[in-house]
Every structure is written in structure tokens, then in C-alpha cells.
């Protein structure tokens, strides 16, 4: 079974940027890949998703600020996050085909 490992989280000031990476242990060529997040006391929610063909979907709260992309040759999915807000603070998870989850990477937006 494919394993997913996220990285790139950290502490950033409001207005700052981070790029999250999700590396898969196997091929993601045909996989739907998604980024989800779960804030303290909140339910896990979809942030962005990308199909094997490159079509993307975003939560309304991150449109025009976040960009999801994939590099199939590197079995890697990225989430570029710009103009970060305190409400973006959460544990961010990578997901493959709505089935496989990574362990998460923490993003904290605070001054």
C-alpha cells in the first residue's frame, strides 16, 4: 500500500507563504490527490484536490490564495499557500484516492 509523507509546515506570520509537499512511496500517476486540514475543535475539510488529468478544485476559503499541483515523476503533490491567515491554522493532511492518508503537517499562522 502506498504511504504518504507530508512536509513543509511551520509557523508563519499572517500574509506569509508556505509550500507543503506530499511524497508518495509509490506511483500517483492515476491517483486523485487531495489536501485536507483539521483545525482545533473542527472537522476535517477539503482544502484542494487534483485529478490525474490535472483538474483542480478548491475550498472557497482558499481560492486565489492556494495552488495545488502534482509532479508524477517525483510522486509528489504540492500545496502552495500564499496570503496566509490565522484561520488557516490547522493540521494539513495529504490524501490519495479518498482512501490513503498521511500523518499530517502542522501549519500555524500567527504574529
PDB file of N, CA and C in Angstrom:
ATOM      1  N   UNK A   1       0.846  -1.188   0.000  1.00  0.00           N
ATOM      2  CA  UNK A   1       0.000   0.000   0.000  1.00  0.00           C
ATOM      3  C   UNK A   1       0.885   1.243   0.000  1.00  0.00           C
ATOM      4  N   UNK A   2       0.464   2.241  -0.758  1.00  0.00           N
ATOM      5  CA  UNK A   2       1.216   3.493  -0.848  1.00  0.00           C
ATOM      6  C   UNK A   2       1.161   4.226   0.486  1.00  0.00           C
ATOM      7  N   UNK A   3       2.306   4.776   0.883  1.00  0.00           N
ATOM      8  CA  UNK A   3       2.366   5.622   2.068  1.00  0.00           C
ATOM      9  C   UNK A   3       2.596   7.066   1.628  1.00  0.00           C
ATOM     10  N   UNK A   4       2.023   7.995   2.390  1.00  0.00           N
ATOM     11  CA  UNK A   4       2.147   9.414   2.083  1.00  0.00           C
ATOM     12  C   UNK A   4       2.851  10.121   3.230  1.00  0.00           C
ATOM     13  N   UNK A   5       3.817  10.972   2.900  1.00  0.00           N
ATOM     14  CA  UNK A   5       4.561  11.714   3.916  1.00  0.00           C
ATOM     15  C   UNK A   5       4.522  13.197   3.570  1.00  0.00           C
ATOM     16  N   UNK A   6       3.913  13.972   4.481  1.00  0.00           N
ATOM     17  CA  UNK A   6       3.817  15.418   4.269  1.00  0.00           C
ATOM     18  C   UNK A   6       4.987  16.142   4.930  1.00  0.00           C
ATOM     19  N   UNK A   7       5.321  17.294   4.390  1.00  0.00           N
ATOM     20  CA  UNK A   7       6.337  18.152   4.993  1.00  0.00           C
ATOM     21  C   UNK A   7       6.089  19.586   4.553  1.00  0.00           C
ATOM     22  N   UNK A   8       6.800  20.512   5.204  1.00  0.00           N
ATOM     23  CA  UNK A   8       6.717  21.908   4.794  1.00  0.00           C
ATOM     24  C   UNK A   8       5.925  22.805   5.717  1.00  0.00           C
ATOM     25  N   UNK A   9       5.278  22.222   6.715  1.00  0.00           N
ATOM     26  CA  UNK A   9       4.532  23.048   7.646  1.00  0.00           C
ATOM     27  C   UNK A   9       5.449  23.848   8.559  1.00  0.00           C
ATOM     28  N   UNK A  10       4.837  24.739   9.328  1.00  0.00           N
ATOM     29  CA  UNK A  10       5.613  25.533  10.259  1.00  0.00           C
ATOM     30  C   UNK A  10       4.843  26.723  10.748  1.00  0.00           C
ATOM     31  N   UNK A  11       5.561  27.633  11.392  1.00  0.00           N
ATOM     32  CA  UNK A  11       4.974  28.865  11.912  1.00  0.00           C
ATOM     33  C   UNK A  11       5.268  30.001  10.930  1.00  0.00           C
ATOM     34  N   UNK A  12       4.232  30.733  10.573  1.00  0.00           N
ATOM     35  CA  UNK A  12       4.397  31.831   9.626  1.00  0.00           C
ATOM     36  C   UNK A  12       3.512  32.985  10.059  1.00  0.00           C
ATOM     37  N   UNK A  13       3.940  34.194   9.760  1.00  0.00           N
ATOM     38  CA  UNK A  13       3.148  35.374  10.098  1.00  0.00           C
ATOM     39  C   UNK A  13       2.001  35.548   9.110  1.00  0.00           C
ATOM     40  N   UNK A  14       0.937  36.197   9.542  1.00  0.00           N
ATOM     41  CA  UNK A  14      -0.158  36.499   8.600  1.00  0.00           C
ATOM     42  C   UNK A  14       0.374  37.219   7.365  1.00  0.00           C
ATOM     43  N   UNK A  15      -0.142  36.807   6.201  1.00  0.00           N
ATOM     44  CA  UNK A  15       0.331  37.364   4.937  1.00  0.00           C
ATOM     45  C   UNK A  15       1.483  36.602   4.330  1.00  0.00           C
ATOM     46  N   UNK A  16       2.054  35.687   5.086  1.00  0.00           N
ATOM     47  CA  UNK A  16       3.198  34.924   4.606  1.00  0.00           C
ATOM     48  C   UNK A  16       2.806  33.750   3.723  1.00  0.00           C
ATOM     49  N   UNK A  17       3.820  32.985   3.320  1.00  0.00           N
ATOM     50  CA  UNK A  17       3.611  31.854   2.415  1.00  0.00           C
ATOM     51  C   UNK A  17       4.317  30.613   2.939  1.00  0.00           C
ATOM     52  N   UNK A  18       3.769  29.475   2.569  1.00  0.00           N
ATOM     53  CA  UNK A  18       4.387  28.173   2.819  1.00  0.00           C
ATOM     54  C   UNK A  18       4.096  27.277   1.628  1.00  0.00           C
ATOM     55  N   UNK A  19       4.968  26.310   1.385  1.00  0.00           N
ATOM     56  CA  UNK A  19       4.695  25.287   0.397  1.00  0.00           C
ATOM     57  C   UNK A  19       4.768  23.921   1.066  1.00  0.00           C
ATOM     58  N   UNK A  20       3.653  23.226   1.035  1.00  0.00           N
ATOM     59  CA  UNK A  20       3.596  21.868   1.569  1.00  0.00           C
ATOM     60  C   UNK A  20       3.905  20.868   0.466  1.00  0.00           C
ATOM     61  N   UNK A  21       4.561  19.788   0.851  1.00  0.00           N
ATOM     62  CA  UNK A  21       4.863  18.699  -0.074  1.00  0.00           C
ATOM     63  C   UNK A  21       4.304  17.399   0.478  1.00  0.00           C
ATOM     64  N   UNK A  22       3.878  16.546  -0.413  1.00  0.00           N
ATOM     65  CA  UNK A  22       3.402  15.212  -0.050  1.00  0.00           C
ATOM     66  C   UNK A  22       4.084  14.227  -0.980  1.00  0.00           C
ATOM     67  N   UNK A  23       4.939  13.403  -0.416  1.00  0.00           N
ATOM     68  CA  UNK A  23       5.678  12.419  -1.212  1.00  0.00           C
ATOM     69  C   UNK A  23       5.060  11.047  -0.985  1.00  0.00           C
ATOM     70  N   UNK A  24       4.745  10.374  -2.096  1.00  0.00           N
ATOM     71  CA  UNK A  24       4.171   9.034  -2.028  1.00  0.00           C
ATOM     72  C   UNK A  24       5.253   7.980  -2.219  1.00  0.00           C
ATOM     73  N   UNK A  25       5.068   6.847  -1.563  1.00  0.00           N
ATOM     74  CA  UNK A  25       6.057   5.763  -1.668  1.00  0.00           C
ATOM     75  C   UNK A  25       5.906   4.983  -2.962  1.00  0.00           C
ATOM     76  N   UNK A  26       4.817   5.228  -3.686  1.00  0.00           N
ATOM     77  CA  UNK A  26       4.591   4.577  -4.954  1.00  0.00           C
ATOM     78  C   UNK A  26       4.038   5.562  -5.971  1.00  0.00           C
ATOM     79  N   UNK A  27       3.721   5.060  -7.134  1.00  0.00           N
ATOM     80  CA  UNK A  27       3.233   5.927  -8.209  1.00  0.00           C
ATOM     81  C   UNK A  27       1.888   6.554  -7.879  1.00  0.00           C
ATOM     82  N   UNK A  28       1.770   7.842  -8.201  1.00  0.00           N
ATOM     83  CA  UNK A  28       0.500   8.538  -8.050  1.00  0.00           C
ATOM     84  C   UNK A  28      -0.090   8.876  -9.403  1.00  0.00           C
ATOM     85  N   UNK A  29       0.451   8.265 -10.465  1.00  0.00           N
ATOM     86  CA  UNK A  29       0.117   8.665 -11.831  1.00  0.00           C
ATOM     87  C   UNK A  29      -1.383   8.677 -12.076  1.00  0.00           C
ATOM     88  N   UNK A  30      -2.093   7.681 -11.602  1.00  0.00           N
ATOM     89  CA  UNK A  30      -3.533   7.576 -11.864  1.00  0.00           C
ATOM     90  C   UNK A  30      -4.397   7.981 -10.672  1.00  0.00           C
ATOM     91  N   UNK A  31      -3.774   8.568  -9.668  1.00  0.00           N
ATOM     92  CA  UNK A  31      -4.494   8.833  -8.428  1.00  0.00           C
ATOM     93  C   UNK A  31      -5.061  10.239  -8.373  1.00  0.00           C
ATOM     94  N   UNK A  32      -6.241  10.322  -7.767  1.00  0.00           N
ATOM     95  CA  UNK A  32      -6.765  11.620  -7.331  1.00  0.00           C
ATOM     96  C   UNK A  32      -6.052  11.962  -6.034  1.00  0.00           C
ATOM     97  N   UNK A  33      -5.519  13.174  -5.925  1.00  0.00           N
ATOM     98  CA  UNK A  33      -4.791  13.583  -4.738  1.00  0.00           C
ATOM     99  C   UNK A  33      -5.454  14.803  -4.121  1.00  0.00           C
ATOM    100  N   UNK A  34      -5.481  14.844  -2.809  1.00  0.00           N
ATOM    101  CA  UNK A  34      -6.112  15.975  -2.146  1.00  0.00           C
ATOM    102  C   UNK A  34      -5.353  16.423  -0.921  1.00  0.00           C
ATOM    103  N   UNK A  35      -5.550  17.678  -0.588  1.00  0.00           N
ATOM    104  CA  UNK A  35      -5.067  18.237   0.678  1.00  0.00           C
ATOM    105  C   UNK A  35      -6.285  18.564   1.533  1.00  0.00           C
ATOM    106  N   UNK A  36      -6.250  18.127   2.777  1.00  0.00           N
ATOM    107  CA  UNK A  36      -7.303  18.401   3.738  1.00  0.00           C
ATOM    108  C   UNK A  36      -6.669  19.081   4.951  1.00  0.00           C
ATOM    109  N   UNK A  37      -7.498  19.683   5.779  1.00  0.00           N
ATOM    110  CA  UNK A  37      -6.989  20.267   7.011  1.00  0.00           C
ATOM    111  C   UNK A  37      -8.008  20.099   8.127  1.00  0.00           C
ATOM    112  N   UNK A  38      -7.477  20.100   9.348  1.00  0.00           N
ATOM    113  CA  UNK A  38      -8.337  19.999  10.516  1.00  0.00           C
ATOM    114  C   UNK A  38      -7.810  20.949  11.569  1.00  0.00           C
ATOM    115  N   UNK A  39      -8.593  21.972  11.851  1.00  0.00           N
ATOM    116  CA  UNK A  39      -8.253  22.907  12.904  1.00  0.00           C
ATOM    117  C   UNK A  39      -8.715  22.388  14.258  1.00  0.00           C
ATOM    118  N   UNK A  40      -8.223  23.000  15.310  1.00  0.00           N
ATOM    119  CA  UNK A  40      -8.572  22.578  16.667  1.00  0.00           C
ATOM    120  C   UNK A  40     -10.081  22.675  16.877  1.00  0.00           C
ATOM    121  N   UNK A  41     -10.692  21.580  17.283  1.00  0.00           N
ATOM    122  CA  UNK A  41     -12.123  21.556  17.541  1.00  0.00           C
ATOM    123  C   UNK A  41     -12.994  21.589  16.308  1.00  0.00           C
ATOM    124  N   UNK A  42     -12.386  21.390  15.145  1.00  0.00           N
ATOM    125  CA  UNK A  42     -13.150  21.446  13.904  1.00  0.00           C
ATOM    126  C   UNK A  42     -13.094  20.112  13.178  1.00  0.00           C
ATOM    127  N   UNK A  43     -14.002  19.936  12.239  1.00  0.00           N
ATOM    128  CA  UNK A  43     -13.983  18.743  11.404  1.00  0.00           C
ATOM    129  C   UNK A  43     -12.939  18.895  10.295  1.00  0.00           C
ATOM    130  N   UNK A  44     -12.447  17.749   9.834  1.00  0.00           N
ATOM    131  CA  UNK A  44     -11.531  17.762   8.713  1.00  0.00           C
ATOM    132  C   UNK A  44     -12.270  18.249   7.468  1.00  0.00           C
ATOM    133  N   UNK A  45     -11.619  19.105   6.684  1.00  0.00           N
ATOM    134  CA  UNK A  45     -12.256  19.655   5.499  1.00  0.00           C
ATOM    135  C   UNK A  45     -11.310  19.610   4.304  1.00  0.00           C
ATOM    136  N   UNK A  46     -11.908  19.532   3.127  1.00  0.00           N
ATOM    137  CA  UNK A  46     -11.125  19.553   1.895  1.00  0.00           C
ATOM    138  C   UNK A  46     -10.595  20.962   1.666  1.00  0.00           C
ATOM    139  N   UNK A  47      -9.312  21.056   1.362  1.00  0.00           N
ATOM    140  CA  UNK A  47      -8.693  22.322   1.001  1.00  0.00           C
ATOM    141  C   UNK A  47      -8.573  22.424  -0.515  1.00  0.00           C
ATOM    142  N   UNK A  48      -8.006  21.389  -1.121  1.00  0.00           N
ATOM    143  CA  UNK A  48      -7.803  21.384  -2.570  1.00  0.00           C
ATOM    144  C   UNK A  48      -7.633  19.948  -3.050  1.00  0.00           C
ATOM    145  N   UNK A  49      -8.043  19.711  -4.300  1.00  0.00           N
ATOM    146  CA  UNK A  49      -7.870  18.395  -4.890  1.00  0.00           C
ATOM    147  C   UNK A  49      -7.423  18.523  -6.338  1.00  0.00           C
ATOM    148  N   UNK A  50      -6.764  17.476  -6.823  1.00  0.00           N
ATOM    149  CA  UNK A  50      -6.291  17.478  -8.205  1.00  0.00           C
ATOM    150  C   UNK A  50      -6.448  16.078  -8.780  1.00  0.00           C
ATOM    151  N   UNK A  51      -7.046  15.995  -9.968  1.00  0.00           N
ATOM    152  CA  UNK A  51      -7.253  14.708 -10.612  1.00  0.00           C
ATOM    153  C   UNK A  51      -5.984  14.262 -11.339  1.00  0.00           C
ATOM    154  N   UNK A  52      -6.008  13.037 -11.814  1.00  0.00           N
ATOM    155  CA  UNK A  52      -4.859  12.525 -12.568  1.00  0.00           C
ATOM    156  C   UNK A  52      -4.631  13.347 -13.835  1.00  0.00           C
ATOM    157  N   UNK A  53      -5.692  13.953 -14.351  1.00  0.00           N
ATOM    158  CA  UNK A  53      -5.574  14.774 -15.554  1.00  0.00           C
ATOM    159  C   UNK A  53      -5.206  16.213 -15.291  1.00  0.00           C
ATOM    160  N   UNK A  54      -5.125  16.577 -14.017  1.00  0.00           N
ATOM    161  CA  UNK A  54      -4.702  17.929 -13.676  1.00  0.00           C
ATOM    162  C   UNK A  54      -5.817  18.903 -13.352  1.00  0.00           C
ATOM    163  N   UNK A  55      -7.072  18.456 -13.389  1.00  0.00           N
ATOM    164  CA  UNK A  55      -8.163  19.333 -12.988  1.00  0.00           C
ATOM    165  C   UNK A  55      -8.124  19.556 -11.486  1.00  0.00           C
ATOM    166  N   UNK A  56      -8.453  20.772 -11.079  1.00  0.00           N
ATOM    167  CA  UNK A  56      -8.334  21.127  -9.668  1.00  0.00           C
ATOM    168  C   UNK A  56      -9.649  21.626  -9.092  1.00  0.00           C
ATOM    169  N   UNK A  57      -9.750  21.517  -7.772  1.00  0.00           N
ATOM    170  CA  UNK A  57     -10.890  22.035  -7.040  1.00  0.00           C
ATOM    171  C   UNK A  57     -10.354  22.638  -5.747  1.00  0.00           C
ATOM    172  N   UNK A  58     -10.992  23.718  -5.301  1.00  0.00           N
ATOM    173  CA  UNK A  58     -10.550  24.413  -4.094  1.00  0.00           C
ATOM    174  C   UNK A  58     -11.741  24.746  -3.203  1.00  0.00           C
ATOM    175  N   UNK A  59     -11.484  24.756  -1.910  1.00  0.00           N
ATOM    176  CA  UNK A  59     -12.465  25.295  -0.983  1.00  0.00           C
ATOM    177  C   UNK A  59     -12.588  26.792  -1.232  1.00  0.00           C
ATOM    178  N   UNK A  60     -13.779  27.327  -1.055  1.00  0.00           N
ATOM    179  CA  UNK A  60     -13.994  28.761  -1.294  1.00  0.00           C
ATOM    180  C   UNK A  60     -13.063  29.615  -0.449  1.00  0.00           C
ATOM    181  N   UNK A  61     -12.756  29.138   0.753  1.00  0.00           N
ATOM    182  CA  UNK A  61     -11.955  29.927   1.684  1.00  0.00           C
ATOM    183  C   UNK A  61     -10.498  30.084   1.256  1.00  0.00           C
ATOM    184  N   UNK A  62     -10.046  29.247   0.304  1.00  0.00           N
ATOM    185  CA  UNK A  62      -8.631  29.326  -0.101  1.00  0.00           C
ATOM    186  C   UNK A  62      -8.457  29.686  -1.568  1.00  0.00           C
ATOM    187  N   UNK A  63      -9.558  29.834  -2.291  1.00  0.00           N
ATOM    188  CA  UNK A  63      -9.452  30.177  -3.718  1.00  0.00           C
ATOM    189  C   UNK A  63      -8.661  31.463  -3.885  1.00  0.00           C
ATOM    190  N   UNK A  64      -7.836  31.488  -4.908  1.00  0.00           N
ATOM    191  CA  UNK A  64      -6.990  32.640  -5.252  1.00  0.00           C
ATOM    192  C   UNK A  64      -5.842  32.844  -4.288  1.00  0.00           C
ATOM    193  N   UNK A  65      -5.713  31.986  -3.278  1.00  0.00           N
ATOM    194  CA  UNK A  65      -4.579  32.076  -2.357  1.00  0.00           C
ATOM    195  C   UNK A  65      -3.722  30.809  -2.384  1.00  0.00           C
ATOM    196  N   UNK A  66      -4.365  29.657  -2.544  1.00  0.00           N
ATOM    197  CA  UNK A  66      -3.660  28.372  -2.531  1.00  0.00           C
ATOM    198  C   UNK A  66      -3.648  27.772  -3.934  1.00  0.00           C
ATOM    199  N   UNK A  67      -2.590  27.028  -4.233  1.00  0.00           N
ATOM    200  CA  UNK A  67      -2.490  26.336  -5.512  1.00  0.00           C
ATOM    201  C   UNK A  67      -1.993  24.914  -5.284  1.00  0.00           C
ATOM    202  N   UNK A  68      -2.748  23.948  -5.787  1.00  0.00           N
ATOM    203  CA  UNK A  68      -2.325  22.557  -5.718  1.00  0.00           C
ATOM    204  C   UNK A  68      -1.697  22.173  -7.054  1.00  0.00           C
ATOM    205  N   UNK A  69      -0.649  21.367  -6.990  1.00  0.00           N
ATOM    206  CA  UNK A  69      -0.003  20.894  -8.207  1.00  0.00           C
ATOM    207  C   UNK A  69       0.587  19.514  -7.950  1.00  0.00           C
ATOM    208  N   UNK A  70       0.954  18.842  -9.037  1.00  0.00           N
ATOM    209  CA  UNK A  70       1.498  17.498  -8.876  1.00  0.00           C
ATOM    210  C   UNK A  70       2.669  17.289  -9.821  1.00  0.00           C
ATOM    211  N   UNK A  71       3.620  16.481  -9.381  1.00  0.00           N
ATOM    212  CA  UNK A  71       4.756  16.078 -10.196  1.00  0.00           C
ATOM    213  C   UNK A  71       4.770  14.550 -10.174  1.00  0.00           C
ATOM    214  N   UNK A  72       4.169  13.954 -11.176  1.00  0.00           N
ATOM    215  CA  UNK A  72       4.043  12.496 -11.189  1.00  0.00           C
ATOM    216  C   UNK A  72       5.406  11.799 -11.248  1.00  0.00           C
ATOM    217  N   UNK A  73       6.372  12.423 -11.889  1.00  0.00           N
ATOM    218  CA  UNK A  73       7.707  11.820 -11.983  1.00  0.00           C
ATOM    219  C   UNK A  73       8.363  11.690 -10.612  1.00  0.00           C
ATOM    220  N   UNK A  74       8.007  12.596  -9.707  1.00  0.00           N
ATOM    221  CA  UNK A  74       8.546  12.578  -8.347  1.00  0.00           C
ATOM    222  C   UNK A  74       7.556  12.023  -7.328  1.00  0.00           C
ATOM    223  N   UNK A  75       6.394  11.557  -7.818  1.00  0.00           N
ATOM    224  CA  UNK A  75       5.358  11.030  -6.915  1.00  0.00           C
ATOM    225  C   UNK A  75       5.045  12.030  -5.800  1.00  0.00           C
ATOM    226  N   UNK A  76       4.937  13.289  -6.176  1.00  0.00           N
ATOM    227  CA  UNK A  76       4.808  14.358  -5.199  1.00  0.00           C
ATOM    228  C   UNK A  76       3.657  15.292  -5.566  1.00  0.00           C
ATOM    229  N   UNK A  77       2.930  15.712  -4.543  1.00  0.00           N
ATOM    230  CA  UNK A  77       1.881  16.718  -4.688  1.00  0.00           C
ATOM    231  C   UNK A  77       2.251  17.899  -3.797  1.00  0.00           C
ATOM    232  N   UNK A  78       1.996  19.091  -4.289  1.00  0.00           N
ATOM    233  CA  UNK A  78       2.355  20.299  -3.566  1.00  0.00           C
ATOM    234  C   UNK A  78       1.102  21.123  -3.259  1.00  0.00           C
ATOM    235  N   UNK A  79       1.223  21.926  -2.212  1.00  0.00           N
ATOM    236  CA  UNK A  79       0.204  22.927  -1.917  1.00  0.00           C
ATOM    237  C   UNK A  79       0.930  24.228  -1.623  1.00  0.00           C
ATOM    238  N   UNK A  80       0.877  25.151  -2.570  1.00  0.00           N
ATOM    239  CA  UNK A  80       1.457  26.475  -2.375  1.00  0.00           C
ATOM    240  C   UNK A  80       0.414  27.349  -1.693  1.00  0.00           C
ATOM    241  N   UNK A  81       0.768  27.876  -0.545  1.00  0.00           N
ATOM    242  CA  UNK A  81      -0.170  28.670   0.243  1.00  0.00           C
ATOM    243  C   UNK A  81       0.369  30.091   0.389  1.00  0.00           C
ATOM    244  N   UNK A  82      -0.352  31.040  -0.146  1.00  0.00           N
ATOM    245  CA  UNK A  82       0.027  32.451  -0.080  1.00  0.00           C
ATOM    246  C   UNK A  82      -1.005  33.243   0.713  1.00  0.00           C
ATOM    247  N   UNK A  83      -0.623  34.428   1.127  1.00  0.00           N
ATOM    248  CA  UNK A  83      -1.537  35.316   1.867  1.00  0.00           C
ATOM    249  C   UNK A  83      -2.193  34.578   3.022  1.00  0.00           C
ATOM    250  N   UNK A  84      -1.401  33.885   3.789  1.00  0.00           N
ATOM    251  CA  UNK A  84      -1.942  33.060   4.870  1.00  0.00           C
ATOM    252  C   UNK A  84      -2.611  33.902   5.947  1.00  0.00           C
ATOM    253  N   UNK A  85      -3.673  33.331   6.512  1.00  0.00           N
ATOM    254  CA  UNK A  85      -4.470  33.985   7.547  1.00  0.00           C
ATOM    255  C   UNK A  85      -4.452  33.131   8.814  1.00  0.00           C
ATOM    256  N   UNK A  86      -4.698  33.731   9.950  1.00  0.00           N
ATOM    257  CA  UNK A  86      -4.752  32.928  11.192  1.00  0.00           C
ATOM    258  C   UNK A  86      -5.749  31.777  11.102  1.00  0.00           C
ATOM    259  N   UNK A  87      -6.825  31.976  10.389  1.00  0.00           N
ATOM    260  CA  UNK A  87      -7.828  30.909  10.263  1.00  0.00           C
ATOM    261  C   UNK A  87      -7.367  29.746   9.392  1.00  0.00           C
ATOM    262  N   UNK A  88      -6.213  29.872   8.741  1.00  0.00           N
ATOM    263  CA  UNK A  88      -5.629  28.752   8.005  1.00  0.00           C
ATOM    264  C   UNK A  88      -4.861  27.807   8.929  1.00  0.00           C
ATOM    265  N   UNK A  89      -4.704  28.175  10.185  1.00  0.00           N
ATOM    266  CA  UNK A  89      -4.000  27.333  11.149  1.00  0.00           C
ATOM    267  C   UNK A  89      -4.712  25.994  11.289  1.00  0.00           C
ATOM    268  N   UNK A  90      -3.977  24.920  11.070  1.00  0.00           N
ATOM    269  CA  UNK A  90      -4.568  23.580  11.115  1.00  0.00           C
ATOM    270  C   UNK A  90      -3.480  22.538  10.879  1.00  0.00           C
ATOM    271  N   UNK A  91      -3.857  21.300  11.097  1.00  0.00           N
ATOM    272  CA  UNK A  91      -3.038  20.162  10.684  1.00  0.00           C
ATOM    273  C   UNK A  91      -3.459  19.812   9.265  1.00  0.00           C
ATOM    274  N   UNK A  92      -2.495  19.825   8.362  1.00  0.00           N
ATOM    275  CA  UNK A  92      -2.782  19.600   6.953  1.00  0.00           C
ATOM    276  C   UNK A  92      -2.400  18.170   6.569  1.00  0.00           C
ATOM    277  N   UNK A  93      -3.343  17.493   5.936  1.00  0.00           N
ATOM    278  CA  UNK A  93      -3.168  16.099   5.547  1.00  0.00           C
ATOM    279  C   UNK A  93      -3.200  15.946   4.028  1.00  0.00           C
ATOM    280  N   UNK A  94      -2.399  15.021   3.554  1.00  0.00           N
ATOM    281  CA  UNK A  94      -2.435  14.607   2.153  1.00  0.00           C
ATOM    282  C   UNK A  94      -3.284  13.345   2.040  1.00  0.00           C
ATOM    283  N   UNK A  95      -3.983  13.230   0.934  1.00  0.00           N
ATOM    284  CA  UNK A  95      -4.863  12.074   0.745  1.00  0.00           C
ATOM    285  C   UNK A  95      -4.751  11.573  -0.695  1.00  0.00           C
ATOM    286  N   UNK A  96      -4.823  10.265  -0.852  1.00  0.00           N
ATOM    287  CA  UNK A  96      -4.790   9.647  -2.171  1.00  0.00           C
ATOM    288  C   UNK A  96      -6.045   8.831  -2.397  1.00  0.00           C
ATOM    289  N   UNK A  97      -6.756   9.154  -3.464  1.00  0.00           N
ATOM    290  CA  UNK A  97      -7.955   8.407  -3.854  1.00  0.00           C
ATOM    291  C   UNK A  97      -8.975   8.283  -2.733  1.00  0.00           C
ATOM    292  N   UNK A  98      -9.015   9.281  -1.873  1.00  0.00           N
ATOM    293  CA  UNK A  98     -10.001   9.348  -0.781  1.00  0.00           C
ATOM    294  C   UNK A  98      -9.836   8.203   0.219  1.00  0.00           C
ATOM    295  N   UNK A  99      -8.701   7.485   0.140  1.00  0.00           N
ATOM    296  CA  UNK A  99      -8.530   6.298   0.968  1.00  0.00           C
ATOM    297  C   UNK A  99      -7.291   6.369   1.854  1.00  0.00           C
ATOM    298  N   UNK A 100      -6.168   6.752   1.264  1.00  0.00           N
ATOM    299  CA  UNK A 100      -4.890   6.736   1.975  1.00  0.00           C
ATOM    300  C   UNK A 100      -4.575   8.122   2.517  1.00  0.00           C
ATOM    301  N   UNK A 101      -4.167   8.168   3.795  1.00  0.00           N
ATOM    302  CA  UNK A 101      -3.869   9.433   4.463  1.00  0.00           C
ATOM    303  C   UNK A 101      -2.419   9.462   4.932  1.00  0.00           C
ATOM    304  N   UNK A 102      -1.851  10.658   4.899  1.00  0.00           N
ATOM    305  CA  UNK A 102      -0.560  10.872   5.529  1.00  0.00           C
ATOM    306  C   UNK A 102      -0.744  11.177   7.003  1.00  0.00           C
ATOM    307  N   UNK A 103       0.374  11.479   7.673  1.00  0.00           N
ATOM    308  CA  UNK A 103       0.327  11.720   9.118  1.00  0.00           C
ATOM    309  C   UNK A 103       0.032  13.176   9.449  1.00  0.00           C
ATOM    310  N   UNK A 104       0.143  14.043   8.470  1.00  0.00           N
ATOM    311  CA  UNK A 104      -0.165  15.454   8.660  1.00  0.00           C
ATOM    312  C   UNK A 104       1.054  16.306   8.944  1.00  0.00           C
ATOM    313  N   UNK A 105       0.929  17.583   8.599  1.00  0.00           N
ATOM    314  CA  UNK A 105       1.969  18.572   8.916  1.00  0.00           C
ATOM    315  C   UNK A 105       1.275  19.824   9.444  1.00  0.00           C
ATOM    316  N   UNK A 106       1.797  20.359  10.546  1.00  0.00           N
ATOM    317  CA  UNK A 106       1.128  21.471  11.223  1.00  0.00           C
ATOM    318  C   UNK A 106       1.479  22.800  10.569  1.00  0.00           C
ATOM    319  N   UNK A 107       0.451  23.587  10.312  1.00  0.00           N
ATOM    320  CA  UNK A 107       0.622  24.961   9.829  1.00  0.00           C
ATOM    321  C   UNK A 107       0.024  25.897  10.870  1.00  0.00           C
ATOM    322  N   UNK A 108       0.831  26.824  11.349  1.00  0.00           N
ATOM    323  CA  UNK A 108       0.370  27.806  12.327  1.00  0.00           C
ATOM    324  C   UNK A 108       0.634  29.201  11.786  1.00  0.00           C
ATOM    325  N   UNK A 109      -0.432  29.987  11.696  1.00  0.00           N
ATOM    326  CA  UNK A 109      -0.325  31.352  11.191  1.00  0.00           C
ATOM    327  C   UNK A 109      -0.592  32.298  12.354  1.00  0.00           C
ATOM    328  N   UNK A 110       0.439  32.980  12.776  1.00  0.00           N
ATOM    329  CA  UNK A 110       0.319  33.826  13.965  1.00  0.00           C
ATOM    330  C   UNK A 110       1.420  34.875  13.957  1.00  0.00           C
ATOM    331  N   UNK A 111       1.088  36.032  14.518  1.00  0.00           N
ATOM    332  CA  UNK A 111       2.098  37.084  14.675  1.00  0.00           C
ATOM    333  C   UNK A 111       2.753  36.990  16.045  1.00  0.00           C
TER     334      UNK A 111
END
